[in-house]
Amino acid sequence: MSQPAFDFGETELDDVSNPTYSVGELADAINDTLRRGFSDGVWVRGEITGWSDRGQHAYFTLVDDADRSDGTGNGRGKAVVNVQFFANARMRLRPLLQKSRLRLGDGMKVRVFGYLDYYAPNGRIGLKMTGIDPRYTIGDIAQSRDEVIRRLVAEGLLDANKQRPLSPIPLRVGVVTSVGTAAWHDFHDELQRSAFGFQLTVIDTRVQGEVAEQSITAAITTLARRSDLDALVVIRGGGARNELAVFDAELIARAIALSPIPVLTGLGHEVDRSVADDVAHTMLKTPTACAGELIARAARYSAESEAAFAAIVRESQLALTAATTDLSETAHRLARRTHAAVERADERLAMRIDTLARTAPAALRRADGRLDTVQTRLLDRATAVVERAGDRLEVVAARVGAVDPAVQLARGWSITRRRDGSVIRSVDDVSPDEPITTAVADGVITSTVTATVTEQKD
């Protein structure tokens, strides 16, 4: 690059061929050159850093971390350009950003349009942003998501969590969310309105921003190590597409896939599926839907348990009725056979008496002897029949007694029910101050719950 010779001689200070600029004149000249060189504006792509809202305006730096060469083989590192996003442009582009479900912020890759401007007060060239191409940002998000999905599929992790068995009554739930948000209240309040005793273990987590990825991953990993949870729930409210993109992060996806506990997601977006949704055991649209799924499972288990108990009661009643019927039929058969035997004996006796009346005294004596023998034999046989029937009757009566609820009550058992008549099987079925009734052998006891204590199982 050539430089002018500094032999001033007698040359005029303001030579037209080699003018001297004031700082202000130089600033104007730079701006004129920029306007002529980029008269139609310019598209620039890069990553947003240092986003700052100042009133109605926003300022940020667009960064390009790609390796750049100056033609001599020496890298020149990253390049940056300052961007001014003034209020009129923000208002005009707001509908486009809302339609694309994008919210500008740090870490977001964008392709923006604007006009170069040299700002004399600080001596910097900046870009006055007037347009944006949302397809570039959406495409970058989709491309990153697809790359994560491909890696998970290659390692067999995409469906790993779906293969974890989910408890039919998932009452012990670990929750990863930002406590205090609408998403948390929707989920928590829905569970509170149910009749089931859900036990929540919550980790308050940042679900957007620079630390969200690490925070969510750490929370999932921490809860996944616990052995006292039936399910994990990852929830957040709706938001812009790029804010929800944190749930496309590979670290979060791997934490969910490797969790030994089934994971349910409710990330508050009706249209898009995140990678976290794809790897989770169950994907729901919203935090409220997540709570509804847990309640539905508990309700199905409760209904199935009630049905099973009702079936046991029915079978017991049928067995008792059948045993009673068998006992009655046996008793009737015994009575009929005894009466028939006695009648036949009476007939034979009458015949013998008639024969004896017509025979000689010797025959009478022989007949008396045979009669004594017959009578003895008949009595012995009838006694044996009655004894055997009595034994069978006692066995049947013992079986009937074994399934008779009254007998169970007499042995010290009791049955406790709620006001609606449903049987209480767990401390979770009752609430303090709730009236209950207990059936014992000789009556019913009415009481009120003052407290419940859950037995800790080893």
Protein backbone atom coordinates (compact mmCIF):
# COMPACT_ATOMS: atom_id res chain seq x y z
CA MET A 1 0.00 0.00 0.00
CA SER A 2 1.52 3.28 -1.04
CA GLN A 3 1.67 6.25 1.25
CA PRO A 4 1.94 9.93 0.25
CA ALA A 5 5.34 11.59 0.62
CA PHE A 6 5.33 14.07 3.45
CA ASP A 7 7.29 16.81 1.60
CA PHE A 8 4.96 19.69 2.36
CA GLY A 9 6.99 22.42 0.63
CA GLU A 10 4.86 25.40 -0.31
CA THR A 11 1.66 23.37 -0.96
CA GLU A 12 -1.63 24.95 0.09
CA LEU A 13 -3.20 23.38 3.21
CA ASP A 14 -6.52 22.79 1.45
CA ASP A 15 -5.34 21.44 -1.90
CA VAL A 16 -8.37 20.28 -3.89
CA SER A 17 -6.52 17.16 -5.11
CA ASN A 18 -5.55 16.18 -1.57
CA PRO A 19 -8.16 17.74 0.74
CA THR A 20 -7.98 17.79 4.54
CA TYR A 21 -11.18 16.71 6.34
CA SER A 22 -12.49 17.80 9.65
CA VAL A 23 -13.74 14.92 11.83
CA GLY A 24 -17.33 15.85 11.07
CA GLU A 25 -16.60 16.09 7.35
CA LEU A 26 -14.89 12.67 7.46
CA ALA A 27 -17.93 11.20 9.23
CA ASP A 28 -20.18 12.58 6.49
CA ALA A 29 -17.83 11.27 3.80
CA ILE A 30 -17.82 7.79 5.37
CA ASN A 31 -21.62 7.77 5.52
CA ASP A 32 -21.83 8.94 1.88
CA THR A 33 -19.50 6.13 0.84
CA LEU A 34 -21.49 3.56 2.83
CA ARG A 35 -24.75 4.73 1.33
CA ARG A 36 -23.36 4.58 -2.22
CA GLY A 37 -21.73 1.17 -1.69
CA PHE A 38 -24.78 -0.35 0.07
CA SER A 39 -27.52 1.83 -1.28
CA ASP A 40 -30.02 -1.03 -1.32
CA GLY A 41 -29.21 -2.18 2.20
CA VAL A 42 -27.47 -5.41 3.17
CA TRP A 43 -28.36 -8.82 4.61
CA VAL A 44 -26.14 -10.01 7.46
CA ARG A 45 -26.24 -13.31 9.37
CA GLY A 46 -24.73 -14.10 12.75
CA GLU A 47 -25.46 -14.83 16.40
CA ILE A 48 -26.99 -12.24 18.73
CA THR A 49 -24.97 -11.31 21.80
CA GLY A 50 -25.31 -8.51 24.33
CA TRP A 51 -29.02 -7.89 23.69
CA SER A 52 -30.08 -4.72 25.50
CA ASP A 53 -33.53 -3.08 25.67
CA ARG A 54 -33.39 0.67 26.11
CA GLY A 55 -36.86 2.06 26.20
CA GLN A 56 -38.51 1.33 22.88
CA HIS A 57 -35.18 0.63 21.18
CA ALA A 58 -32.92 -2.43 21.31
CA TYR A 59 -29.19 -2.75 20.73
CA PHE A 60 -27.09 -5.86 20.23
CA THR A 61 -23.97 -7.21 18.60
CA LEU A 62 -24.05 -9.66 15.71
CA VAL A 63 -21.17 -12.14 15.98
CA ASP A 64 -19.65 -14.49 13.43
CA ASP A 65 -17.36 -17.10 15.03
CA ALA A 66 -16.44 -18.77 11.72
CA ASP A 67 -12.74 -18.89 10.86
CA ARG A 68 -11.83 -16.03 8.53
CA SER A 69 -8.68 -15.53 6.48
CA ASP A 70 -7.05 -12.26 5.38
CA GLY A 71 -5.47 -13.85 2.30
CA THR A 72 -2.07 -14.37 3.93
CA GLY A 73 -3.01 -17.60 5.75
CA ASN A 74 -3.48 -15.83 9.04
CA GLY A 75 -6.85 -16.27 10.78
CA ARG A 76 -8.57 -13.10 11.88
CA GLY A 77 -10.81 -14.58 14.61
CA LYS A 78 -14.40 -13.63 15.09
CA ALA A 79 -16.09 -10.66 13.48
CA VAL A 80 -18.74 -8.43 15.09
CA VAL A 81 -21.05 -5.67 13.98
CA ASN A 82 -23.14 -3.41 16.21
CA VAL A 83 -26.85 -3.37 15.41
CA GLN A 84 -29.42 -0.74 16.29
CA PHE A 85 -33.04 -1.95 16.30
CA PHE A 86 -35.09 1.19 16.64
CA ALA A 87 -38.68 1.42 17.90
CA ASN A 88 -40.37 1.97 14.52
CA ALA A 89 -38.65 -1.08 13.03
CA ARG A 90 -39.44 -3.19 16.12
CA MET A 91 -43.11 -2.27 15.93
CA ARG A 92 -43.26 -3.04 12.21
CA LEU A 93 -41.53 -6.44 12.58
CA ARG A 94 -43.42 -7.51 15.72
CA PRO A 95 -46.31 -9.24 13.81
CA LEU A 96 -43.81 -11.20 11.68
CA LEU A 97 -41.90 -12.36 14.75
CA GLN A 98 -45.11 -13.28 16.59
CA LYS A 99 -46.40 -15.23 13.57
CA SER A 100 -43.12 -17.14 13.46
CA ARG A 101 -43.18 -17.54 17.27
CA LEU A 102 -39.72 -16.01 17.65
CA ARG A 103 -38.43 -13.71 20.37
CA LEU A 104 -35.05 -12.10 19.73
CA GLY A 105 -32.42 -12.61 22.39
CA ASP A 106 -28.86 -13.72 23.15
CA GLY A 107 -27.63 -16.91 21.49
CA MET A 108 -30.15 -16.71 18.65
CA LYS A 109 -28.85 -17.10 15.09
CA VAL A 110 -30.50 -14.62 12.73
CA ARG A 111 -30.36 -13.19 9.23
CA VAL A 112 -31.21 -9.48 9.38
CA PHE A 113 -31.51 -6.68 6.86
CA GLY A 114 -30.47 -3.09 7.41
CA TYR A 115 -28.46 -0.09 6.36
CA LEU A 116 -24.87 0.66 7.37
CA ASP A 117 -24.32 3.86 9.30
CA TYR A 118 -21.26 5.55 10.75
CA TYR A 119 -22.12 7.11 14.12
CA ALA A 120 -19.80 10.05 14.58
CA PRO A 121 -20.15 10.54 18.37
CA ASN A 122 -18.48 7.16 19.11
CA GLY A 123 -16.72 6.59 15.80
CA ARG A 124 -18.36 3.22 15.11
CA ILE A 125 -19.99 1.73 12.08
CA GLY A 126 -23.27 0.02 12.87
CA LEU A 127 -26.23 -1.57 11.13
CA LYS A 128 -29.67 -0.03 11.44
CA MET A 129 -31.88 -3.11 11.36
CA THR A 130 -35.10 -2.84 9.37
CA GLY A 131 -35.89 -6.46 8.44
CA ILE A 132 -35.40 -10.11 9.42
CA ASP A 133 -35.70 -13.49 7.71
CA PRO A 134 -37.40 -15.81 10.26
CA ARG A 135 -36.91 -18.81 7.97
CA TYR A 136 -33.16 -18.69 8.66
CA THR A 137 -33.64 -18.93 12.43
CA ILE A 138 -36.35 -21.59 12.19
CA GLY A 139 -34.18 -23.59 9.79
CA ASP A 140 -31.21 -23.41 12.14
CA ILE A 141 -33.36 -24.64 15.05
CA ALA A 142 -34.74 -27.48 12.92
CA GLN A 143 -31.29 -28.47 11.67
CA SER A 144 -29.87 -28.60 15.20
CA ARG A 145 -32.88 -30.62 16.33
CA ASP A 146 -32.49 -33.14 13.48
CA GLU A 147 -28.79 -33.61 14.25
CA VAL A 148 -29.58 -34.41 17.89
CA ILE A 149 -32.32 -36.86 16.85
CA ARG A 150 -29.94 -38.65 14.47
CA ARG A 151 -27.33 -39.10 17.20
CA LEU A 152 -29.91 -40.40 19.69
CA VAL A 153 -31.31 -42.88 17.15
CA ALA A 154 -27.80 -44.11 16.30
CA GLU A 155 -27.13 -44.81 19.99
CA GLY A 156 -30.54 -46.45 20.59
CA LEU A 157 -31.59 -43.76 23.08
CA LEU A 158 -34.64 -42.31 21.34
CA ASP A 159 -37.06 -44.91 22.78
CA ALA A 160 -35.08 -45.87 25.89
CA ASN A 161 -37.29 -44.03 28.37
CA LYS A 162 -40.49 -45.22 26.69
CA GLN A 163 -39.51 -48.77 27.66
CA ARG A 164 -39.49 -47.90 31.38
CA PRO A 165 -42.61 -49.29 33.11
CA LEU A 166 -44.82 -46.52 34.48
CA SER A 167 -46.57 -47.33 37.78
CA PRO A 168 -50.35 -47.80 37.44
CA ILE A 169 -50.72 -45.42 40.41
CA PRO A 170 -47.94 -42.80 40.09
CA LEU A 171 -48.49 -40.81 43.29
CA ARG A 172 -44.81 -40.04 44.05
CA VAL A 173 -43.79 -37.52 41.41
CA GLY A 174 -40.56 -35.59 40.83
CA VAL A 175 -41.14 -32.20 39.16
CA VAL A 176 -38.67 -30.12 37.12
CA THR A 177 -40.07 -26.62 36.56
CA SER A 178 -39.80 -22.97 37.49
CA VAL A 179 -41.74 -22.72 40.76
CA GLY A 180 -44.09 -19.77 40.93
CA THR A 181 -44.88 -19.67 37.23
CA ALA A 182 -48.32 -20.24 35.74
CA ALA A 183 -47.16 -23.65 34.50
CA TRP A 184 -46.33 -24.75 38.05
CA HIS A 185 -49.62 -23.46 39.47
CA ASP A 186 -51.67 -25.11 36.71
CA PHE A 187 -49.99 -28.47 37.36
CA HIS A 188 -50.04 -28.23 41.16
CA ASP A 189 -53.62 -26.96 41.44
CA GLU A 190 -54.93 -29.68 39.12
CA LEU A 191 -53.41 -32.37 41.35
CA GLN A 192 -54.71 -30.64 44.49
CA ARG A 193 -58.27 -30.72 43.17
CA SER A 194 -58.09 -34.50 42.71
CA ALA A 195 -59.03 -36.97 45.44
CA PHE A 196 -55.59 -38.60 45.43
CA GLY A 197 -52.66 -38.01 47.77
CA PHE A 198 -49.89 -37.04 45.34
CA GLN A 199 -46.45 -36.52 46.91
CA LEU A 200 -44.36 -34.00 44.93
CA THR A 201 -40.58 -33.59 45.00
CA VAL A 202 -39.87 -30.33 43.20
CA ILE A 203 -36.59 -28.83 41.93
CA ASP A 204 -36.96 -25.13 41.11
CA THR A 205 -35.26 -24.76 37.73
CA ARG A 206 -34.54 -22.07 35.16
CA VAL A 207 -36.41 -23.13 32.01
CA GLN A 208 -35.13 -20.40 29.69
CA GLY A 209 -32.02 -18.30 29.35
CA GLU A 210 -28.32 -19.07 29.20
CA VAL A 211 -28.23 -21.45 32.19
CA ALA A 212 -31.49 -23.24 31.41
CA GLU A 213 -29.89 -26.20 29.59
CA GLN A 214 -27.47 -27.01 32.42
CA SER A 215 -30.09 -26.31 35.10
CA ILE A 216 -32.74 -28.59 33.57
CA THR A 217 -30.22 -31.36 32.89
CA ALA A 218 -28.92 -31.27 36.48
CA ALA A 219 -32.47 -31.34 37.91
CA ILE A 220 -33.49 -34.36 35.82
CA THR A 221 -30.28 -36.22 36.67
CA THR A 222 -30.70 -35.51 40.40
CA LEU A 223 -34.29 -36.75 40.54
CA ALA A 224 -33.49 -39.77 38.36
CA ARG A 225 -31.11 -41.05 41.06
CA ARG A 226 -33.92 -41.34 43.63
CA SER A 227 -35.55 -44.68 44.33
CA ASP A 228 -38.72 -43.30 45.93
CA LEU A 229 -40.32 -41.76 42.82
CA ASP A 230 -42.85 -43.29 40.43
CA ALA A 231 -42.48 -40.68 37.66
CA LEU A 232 -40.67 -37.49 36.65
CA VAL A 233 -42.48 -34.51 35.13
CA VAL A 234 -40.78 -31.74 33.11
CA ILE A 235 -43.11 -28.77 32.56
CA ARG A 236 -43.09 -25.13 31.46
CA GLY A 237 -45.59 -22.71 29.98
CA GLY A 238 -45.82 -21.68 26.35
CA GLY A 239 -43.34 -19.34 24.77
CA ALA A 240 -41.54 -18.32 21.62
CA ARG A 241 -40.16 -21.02 19.35
CA ASN A 242 -36.53 -20.14 20.11
CA GLU A 243 -37.21 -20.10 23.87
CA LEU A 244 -38.63 -23.61 23.69
CA ALA A 245 -35.59 -24.67 21.64
CA VAL A 246 -33.72 -25.25 24.91
CA PHE A 247 -35.69 -28.52 25.14
CA ASP A 248 -34.03 -29.60 21.88
CA ALA A 249 -30.69 -29.60 23.68
CA GLU A 250 -28.81 -32.89 23.53
CA LEU A 251 -27.84 -32.79 27.22
CA ILE A 252 -31.50 -32.61 28.29
CA ALA A 253 -32.51 -35.31 25.82
CA ARG A 254 -29.80 -37.67 27.08
CA ALA A 255 -30.74 -37.03 30.73
CA ILE A 256 -34.35 -38.00 29.94
CA ALA A 257 -33.39 -41.02 27.82
CA LEU A 258 -31.03 -42.41 30.49
CA SER A 259 -33.40 -41.82 33.41
CA PRO A 260 -34.48 -45.11 35.04
CA ILE A 261 -37.73 -43.38 36.01
CA PRO A 262 -40.39 -42.71 33.32
CA VAL A 263 -40.46 -39.03 32.29
CA LEU A 264 -43.60 -37.09 31.28
CA THR A 265 -43.27 -33.76 29.46
CA GLY A 266 -45.76 -30.89 29.31
CA LEU A 267 -43.96 -28.02 27.64
CA GLY A 268 -46.94 -25.82 26.88
CA HIS A 269 -46.83 -25.76 23.10
CA GLU A 270 -49.62 -27.16 20.94
CA VAL A 271 -47.83 -27.13 17.57
CA ASP A 272 -44.18 -28.07 17.94
CA ARG A 273 -42.57 -31.20 19.37
CA SER A 274 -39.21 -30.80 21.06
CA VAL A 275 -36.52 -33.45 21.25
CA ALA A 276 -37.38 -33.77 24.95
CA ASP A 277 -40.94 -34.72 23.90
CA ASP A 278 -39.60 -37.31 21.47
CA VAL A 279 -37.42 -39.11 24.03
CA ALA A 280 -39.86 -38.87 26.97
CA HIS A 281 -41.99 -41.82 28.08
CA THR A 282 -45.18 -39.77 27.58
CA MET A 283 -45.57 -36.39 25.86
CA LEU A 284 -48.47 -34.15 26.89
CA LYS A 285 -49.30 -30.75 25.43
CA THR A 286 -49.51 -28.71 28.64
CA PRO A 287 -48.69 -28.88 32.37
CA THR A 288 -52.43 -29.28 33.07
CA ALA A 289 -52.56 -32.24 30.69
CA CYS A 290 -49.59 -33.78 32.54
CA ALA A 291 -51.47 -33.53 35.82
CA GLY A 292 -54.58 -34.95 34.13
CA GLU A 293 -52.64 -38.00 32.91
CA LEU A 294 -51.38 -38.75 36.44
CA ILE A 295 -54.88 -38.31 37.89
CA ALA A 296 -56.41 -40.53 35.19
CA ARG A 297 -53.94 -43.33 35.95
CA ALA A 298 -54.64 -43.12 39.68
CA ALA A 299 -58.40 -43.08 39.01
CA ARG A 300 -58.17 -46.17 36.78
CA TYR A 301 -56.18 -48.03 39.44
CA SER A 302 -58.68 -47.05 42.14
CA ALA A 303 -61.64 -48.14 39.99
CA GLU A 304 -59.97 -51.45 39.16
CA SER A 305 -59.22 -52.05 42.85
CA GLU A 306 -62.82 -51.31 43.83
CA ALA A 307 -64.04 -53.63 41.09
CA ALA A 308 -61.71 -56.40 42.29
CA PHE A 309 -62.93 -56.04 45.87
CA ALA A 310 -66.54 -56.03 44.72
CA ALA A 311 -65.83 -59.22 42.75
CA ILE A 312 -64.38 -60.84 45.88
CA VAL A 313 -67.49 -59.90 47.85
CA ARG A 314 -69.74 -61.30 45.11
CA GLU A 315 -67.79 -64.54 44.93
CA SER A 316 -67.93 -64.87 48.72
CA GLN A 317 -71.66 -64.33 48.71
CA LEU A 318 -72.12 -66.85 45.90
CA ALA A 319 -70.01 -69.41 47.74
CA LEU A 320 -71.99 -68.84 50.94
CA THR A 321 -75.30 -69.18 49.09
CA ALA A 322 -74.12 -72.35 47.36
CA ALA A 323 -72.93 -73.85 50.66
CA THR A 324 -76.24 -73.01 52.33
CA THR A 325 -78.14 -74.60 49.46
CA ASP A 326 -75.98 -77.73 49.61
CA LEU A 327 -76.52 -77.97 53.36
CA SER A 328 -80.27 -77.63 53.00
CA GLU A 329 -80.44 -80.26 50.25
CA THR A 330 -78.30 -82.65 52.29
CA ALA A 331 -80.57 -82.22 55.31
CA HIS A 332 -83.66 -82.87 53.19
CA ARG A 333 -82.11 -85.98 51.67
CA LEU A 334 -81.22 -87.29 55.11
CA ALA A 335 -84.76 -86.70 56.37
CA ARG A 336 -86.33 -88.41 53.36
CA ARG A 337 -84.05 -91.42 53.59
CA THR A 338 -84.60 -91.77 57.35
CA HIS A 339 -88.38 -91.60 56.94
CA ALA A 340 -88.28 -94.14 54.11
CA ALA A 341 -86.13 -96.50 56.16
CA VAL A 342 -88.45 -96.26 59.14
CA GLU A 343 -91.50 -96.80 56.95
CA ARG A 344 -89.98 -99.85 55.32
CA ALA A 345 -89.07 -101.21 58.75
CA ASP A 346 -92.61 -100.62 59.96
CA GLU A 347 -93.99 -102.52 56.99
CA ARG A 348 -91.68 -105.47 57.54
CA LEU A 349 -92.57 -105.45 61.21
CA ALA A 350 -96.27 -105.52 60.48
CA MET A 351 -95.79 -108.46 58.16
CA ARG A 352 -93.83 -110.30 60.73
CA ILE A 353 -96.47 -109.69 63.40
CA ASP A 354 -99.16 -110.98 61.10
CA THR A 355 -97.14 -114.10 60.34
CA LEU A 356 -96.43 -114.64 63.96
CA ALA A 357 -100.09 -114.32 64.84
CA ARG A 358 -100.85 -117.24 62.52
CA THR A 359 -98.06 -119.52 63.60
CA ALA A 360 -97.59 -121.58 66.64
CA PRO A 361 -96.10 -120.33 69.82
CA ALA A 362 -92.76 -121.85 68.79
CA ALA A 363 -92.76 -119.86 65.64
CA LEU A 364 -93.64 -116.81 67.74
CA ARG A 365 -90.68 -117.42 69.90
CA ARG A 366 -88.39 -117.84 66.87
CA ALA A 367 -89.92 -114.75 65.36
CA ASP A 368 -89.37 -112.84 68.55
CA GLY A 369 -85.74 -113.80 68.39
CA ARG A 370 -85.37 -112.79 64.75
CA LEU A 371 -87.29 -109.56 65.47
CA ASP A 372 -84.88 -108.69 68.20
CA THR A 373 -82.01 -109.31 65.79
CA VAL A 374 -83.58 -107.22 63.03
CA GLN A 375 -84.43 -104.37 65.39
CA THR A 376 -80.88 -104.26 66.71
CA ARG A 377 -79.44 -104.29 63.19
CA LEU A 378 -81.85 -101.57 62.02
CA LEU A 379 -81.09 -99.30 64.91
CA ASP A 380 -77.36 -99.70 64.42
CA ARG A 381 -77.65 -98.90 60.70
CA ALA A 382 -79.88 -95.88 61.24
CA THR A 383 -77.50 -94.56 63.89
CA ALA A 384 -74.52 -94.94 61.57
CA VAL A 385 -76.35 -93.15 58.75
CA VAL A 386 -77.32 -90.30 61.04
CA GLU A 387 -73.76 -90.02 62.43
CA ARG A 388 -72.22 -89.88 58.94
CA ALA A 389 -74.75 -87.27 57.86
CA GLY A 390 -74.02 -85.30 61.01
CA ASP A 391 -70.29 -85.39 60.27
CA ARG A 392 -70.86 -84.09 56.73
CA LEU A 393 -73.18 -81.43 58.13
CA GLU A 394 -70.49 -80.25 60.55
CA VAL A 395 -67.87 -80.05 57.73
CA VAL A 396 -70.24 -78.00 55.56
CA ALA A 397 -71.15 -75.76 58.52
CA ALA A 398 -67.44 -75.17 59.21
CA ARG A 399 -66.82 -74.15 55.57
CA VAL A 400 -69.78 -71.82 55.65
CA GLY A 401 -68.55 -70.24 58.86
CA ALA A 402 -65.09 -69.65 57.38
CA VAL A 403 -66.48 -67.30 54.71
CA ASP A 404 -69.22 -65.73 56.85
CA PRO A 405 -68.41 -62.01 57.42
CA ALA A 406 -70.17 -62.22 60.79
CA VAL A 407 -67.72 -64.90 61.88
CA GLN A 408 -64.79 -62.74 60.73
CA LEU A 409 -66.18 -59.84 62.73
CA ALA A 410 -66.62 -62.08 65.78
CA ARG A 411 -62.94 -63.00 65.53
CA GLY A 412 -61.97 -59.38 65.98
CA TRP A 413 -61.88 -58.13 62.39
CA SER A 414 -63.69 -54.91 61.47
CA ILE A 415 -64.68 -53.05 58.30
CA THR A 416 -64.28 -49.24 58.17
CA ARG A 417 -66.14 -47.19 55.55
CA ARG A 418 -66.38 -43.55 54.48
CA ARG A 419 -69.61 -41.61 54.54
CA ASP A 420 -70.38 -42.74 50.97
CA GLY A 421 -70.01 -46.41 51.98
CA SER A 422 -66.70 -47.05 50.22
CA VAL A 423 -64.27 -49.26 52.14
CA ILE A 424 -61.16 -47.50 53.55
CA ARG A 425 -57.96 -49.39 52.70
CA SER A 426 -55.32 -46.67 53.11
CA VAL A 427 -54.63 -43.56 55.14
CA ASP A 428 -54.71 -41.73 51.81
CA ASP A 429 -58.44 -42.55 51.50
CA VAL A 430 -59.44 -40.23 54.40
CA SER A 431 -58.90 -36.64 55.45
CA PRO A 432 -58.76 -35.02 58.89
CA ASP A 433 -62.21 -34.26 60.42
CA GLU A 434 -63.88 -36.74 58.04
CA PRO A 435 -66.57 -38.92 59.75
CA ILE A 436 -66.16 -42.69 59.33
CA THR A 437 -68.06 -45.81 60.49
CA THR A 438 -66.55 -49.09 61.68
CA ALA A 439 -68.58 -52.33 61.64
CA VAL A 440 -67.69 -54.81 64.44
CA ALA A 441 -69.33 -58.04 65.59
CA ASP A 442 -72.03 -56.50 67.76
CA GLY A 443 -72.71 -53.17 66.02
CA VAL A 444 -71.33 -50.06 64.31
CA ILE A 445 -68.91 -47.45 65.69
CA THR A 446 -69.00 -43.89 64.33
CA SER A 447 -65.84 -41.82 64.64
CA THR A 448 -64.05 -38.80 63.20
CA VAL A 449 -60.53 -38.77 61.73
CA THR A 450 -58.20 -36.57 63.73
CA ALA A 451 -54.92 -37.52 62.05
CA THR A 452 -53.35 -40.12 59.80
CA VAL A 453 -49.90 -41.71 60.03
CA THR A 454 -48.34 -43.44 57.06
CA GLU A 455 -46.47 -46.61 57.93
CA GLN A 456 -42.91 -46.41 56.60
CA LYS A 457 -42.13 -49.62 54.72
CA ASP A 458 -38.58 -51.01 54.75
